[in-house]
């Protein structure tokens, strides 16, 4: 009886846990560079994008940027606490251990938002932000 009750509780708990929102059988589109996305900022405002960029956590928040184009600083705001697989989040923690402001190469899936007149995002008042949904890849920054 106790074993049956325990199994029911475990199954119920797992069924109620939040899982990443993914469409079964649909792969993420190929990542675009941050520069490519920002060159189409008006068309992509409010659209979900997959971006390859450099990530850096600062005392004022998280940013994505690229040294390949001007005005690329983009505020990053995660939309939920579980924003990546256990392996990816573990890798991110290990890479940032002892170096919290280290630059990392990332691929992020999220919604691009562009600031309109008299509007900006984050403490640095940036012109664009990504409402991050999922961290798909993280690795040490590659040399430019």
Protein backbone atom coordinates (compact mmCIF):
# COMPACT_ATOMS: atom_id res chain seq x y z
CA UNK A 1 0.00 0.00 0.00
CA UNK A 2 2.78 2.45 0.95
CA UNK A 3 4.74 1.56 -2.19
CA UNK A 4 1.67 2.17 -4.40
CA UNK A 5 1.01 5.52 -2.72
CA UNK A 6 4.66 6.53 -3.17
CA UNK A 7 4.60 5.64 -6.87
CA UNK A 8 1.39 7.63 -7.39
CA UNK A 9 2.91 10.64 -5.60
CA UNK A 10 6.12 10.50 -7.69
CA UNK A 11 4.21 10.20 -10.98
CA UNK A 12 1.87 13.05 -9.98
CA UNK A 13 4.79 15.25 -8.96
CA UNK A 14 6.61 14.70 -12.28
CA UNK A 15 3.44 15.37 -14.26
CA UNK A 16 2.97 18.73 -12.49
CA UNK A 17 6.56 19.94 -12.90
CA UNK A 18 7.04 22.71 -15.45
CA UNK A 19 8.81 21.46 -18.55
CA UNK A 20 10.46 23.58 -21.24
CA UNK A 21 7.95 24.58 -23.89
CA UNK A 22 8.99 22.87 -27.11
CA UNK A 23 7.08 21.82 -30.18
CA UNK A 24 7.55 18.10 -30.66
CA UNK A 25 9.40 17.22 -33.83
CA UNK A 26 10.21 20.84 -34.70
CA UNK A 27 13.88 21.80 -34.55
CA UNK A 28 15.05 25.31 -33.70
CA UNK A 29 15.93 27.37 -36.76
CA UNK A 30 19.59 27.91 -37.56
CA UNK A 31 21.06 30.58 -35.28
CA UNK A 32 21.68 34.00 -36.78
CA UNK A 33 24.43 36.30 -35.64
CA UNK A 34 23.31 39.17 -33.44
CA UNK A 35 24.45 41.58 -36.18
CA UNK A 36 22.22 39.85 -38.76
CA UNK A 37 19.22 39.99 -36.43
CA UNK A 38 19.77 43.65 -35.56
CA UNK A 39 20.11 44.57 -39.24
CA UNK A 40 16.46 43.46 -39.53
CA UNK A 41 15.35 44.86 -36.18
CA UNK A 42 12.15 46.53 -37.45
CA UNK A 43 10.95 43.35 -39.18
CA UNK A 44 11.88 41.06 -36.26
CA UNK A 45 10.52 43.21 -33.40
CA UNK A 46 8.30 40.92 -31.32
CA UNK A 47 9.39 37.77 -33.20
CA UNK A 48 11.09 34.70 -31.75
CA UNK A 49 14.70 34.44 -32.92
CA UNK A 50 17.69 32.17 -32.33
CA UNK A 51 20.78 34.33 -31.81
CA UNK A 52 24.48 33.56 -31.68
CA UNK A 53 26.28 36.22 -29.63
CA UNK A 54 28.69 36.98 -26.81
CA UNK A 55 27.13 36.92 -23.33
CA UNK A 56 28.41 38.91 -20.39
CA UNK A 57 26.92 39.30 -16.95
CA UNK A 58 27.61 42.71 -15.43
CA UNK A 59 26.72 44.26 -12.08
CA UNK A 60 23.84 45.94 -13.96
CA UNK A 61 22.38 42.88 -15.67
CA UNK A 62 22.99 40.46 -18.50
CA UNK A 63 23.92 41.53 -22.02
CA UNK A 64 24.37 40.03 -25.44
CA UNK A 65 26.66 41.76 -27.91
CA UNK A 66 28.92 41.32 -30.91
CA UNK A 67 32.16 43.10 -31.70
CA UNK A 68 31.38 42.69 -35.43
CA UNK A 69 28.78 45.47 -35.58
CA UNK A 70 28.00 48.81 -33.94
CA UNK A 71 25.20 49.34 -31.43
CA UNK A 72 24.84 45.63 -30.69
CA UNK A 73 24.53 45.80 -26.89
CA UNK A 74 21.29 43.98 -26.12
CA UNK A 75 19.68 43.53 -22.71
CA UNK A 76 18.97 39.85 -21.89
CA UNK A 77 16.08 39.03 -19.59
CA UNK A 78 15.15 35.40 -18.89
CA UNK A 79 11.40 34.72 -18.93
CA UNK A 80 11.52 31.73 -16.57
CA UNK A 81 13.81 30.22 -13.97
CA UNK A 82 14.46 27.01 -15.95
CA UNK A 83 15.98 28.41 -19.14
CA UNK A 84 18.26 25.58 -20.20
CA UNK A 85 19.05 21.90 -19.82
CA UNK A 86 20.87 20.74 -16.69
CA UNK A 87 24.05 20.14 -18.72
CA UNK A 88 24.05 23.62 -20.26
CA UNK A 89 23.34 25.38 -16.97
CA UNK A 90 26.06 23.33 -15.23
CA UNK A 91 28.54 24.31 -17.96
CA UNK A 92 27.58 27.98 -17.59
CA UNK A 93 28.07 27.84 -13.80
CA UNK A 94 31.46 26.12 -14.20
CA UNK A 95 32.65 28.65 -16.80
CA UNK A 96 31.60 31.60 -14.61
CA UNK A 97 32.97 30.12 -11.37
CA UNK A 98 35.43 32.65 -9.94
CA UNK A 99 34.97 34.88 -13.00
CA UNK A 100 31.36 36.13 -12.89
CA UNK A 101 31.92 38.75 -15.62
CA UNK A 102 33.67 36.42 -18.09
CA UNK A 103 32.51 36.62 -21.71
CA UNK A 104 30.88 33.47 -23.09
CA UNK A 105 29.80 32.47 -26.59
CA UNK A 106 26.11 31.54 -26.48
CA UNK A 107 23.15 30.63 -28.62
CA UNK A 108 19.88 31.92 -27.17
CA UNK A 109 16.28 31.41 -28.27
CA UNK A 110 13.99 34.29 -27.34
CA UNK A 111 11.77 37.17 -28.42
CA UNK A 112 13.44 40.31 -29.77
CA UNK A 113 12.03 43.62 -28.51
CA UNK A 114 13.07 46.99 -29.91
CA UNK A 115 12.78 50.18 -27.85
CA UNK A 116 10.49 52.81 -29.31
CA UNK A 117 10.52 56.54 -28.70
CA UNK A 118 11.33 57.44 -25.05
CA UNK A 119 11.82 53.76 -24.20
CA UNK A 120 14.86 51.66 -23.29
CA UNK A 121 15.62 48.32 -21.65
CA UNK A 122 17.49 47.36 -18.50
CA UNK A 123 19.62 49.44 -16.14
CA UNK A 124 21.93 50.40 -19.01
CA UNK A 125 18.98 51.81 -21.01
CA UNK A 126 19.72 49.74 -24.13
CA UNK A 127 17.89 50.05 -27.46
CA UNK A 128 16.92 46.38 -27.68
CA UNK A 129 16.38 43.33 -25.51
CA UNK A 130 15.89 39.62 -25.89
CA UNK A 131 13.27 38.02 -23.69
CA UNK A 132 15.19 34.79 -23.34
CA UNK A 133 13.28 31.54 -23.49
CA UNK A 134 16.10 29.01 -23.71
CA UNK A 135 19.88 28.85 -23.57
CA UNK A 136 20.81 26.39 -26.31
CA UNK A 137 24.62 26.52 -26.19
CA UNK A 138 27.29 28.00 -23.95
CA UNK A 139 31.07 27.79 -24.34
CA UNK A 140 34.14 29.94 -23.70
CA UNK A 141 34.31 32.95 -26.00
CA UNK A 142 36.21 32.17 -29.15
CA UNK A 143 38.95 34.52 -30.24
CA UNK A 144 37.71 37.22 -32.67
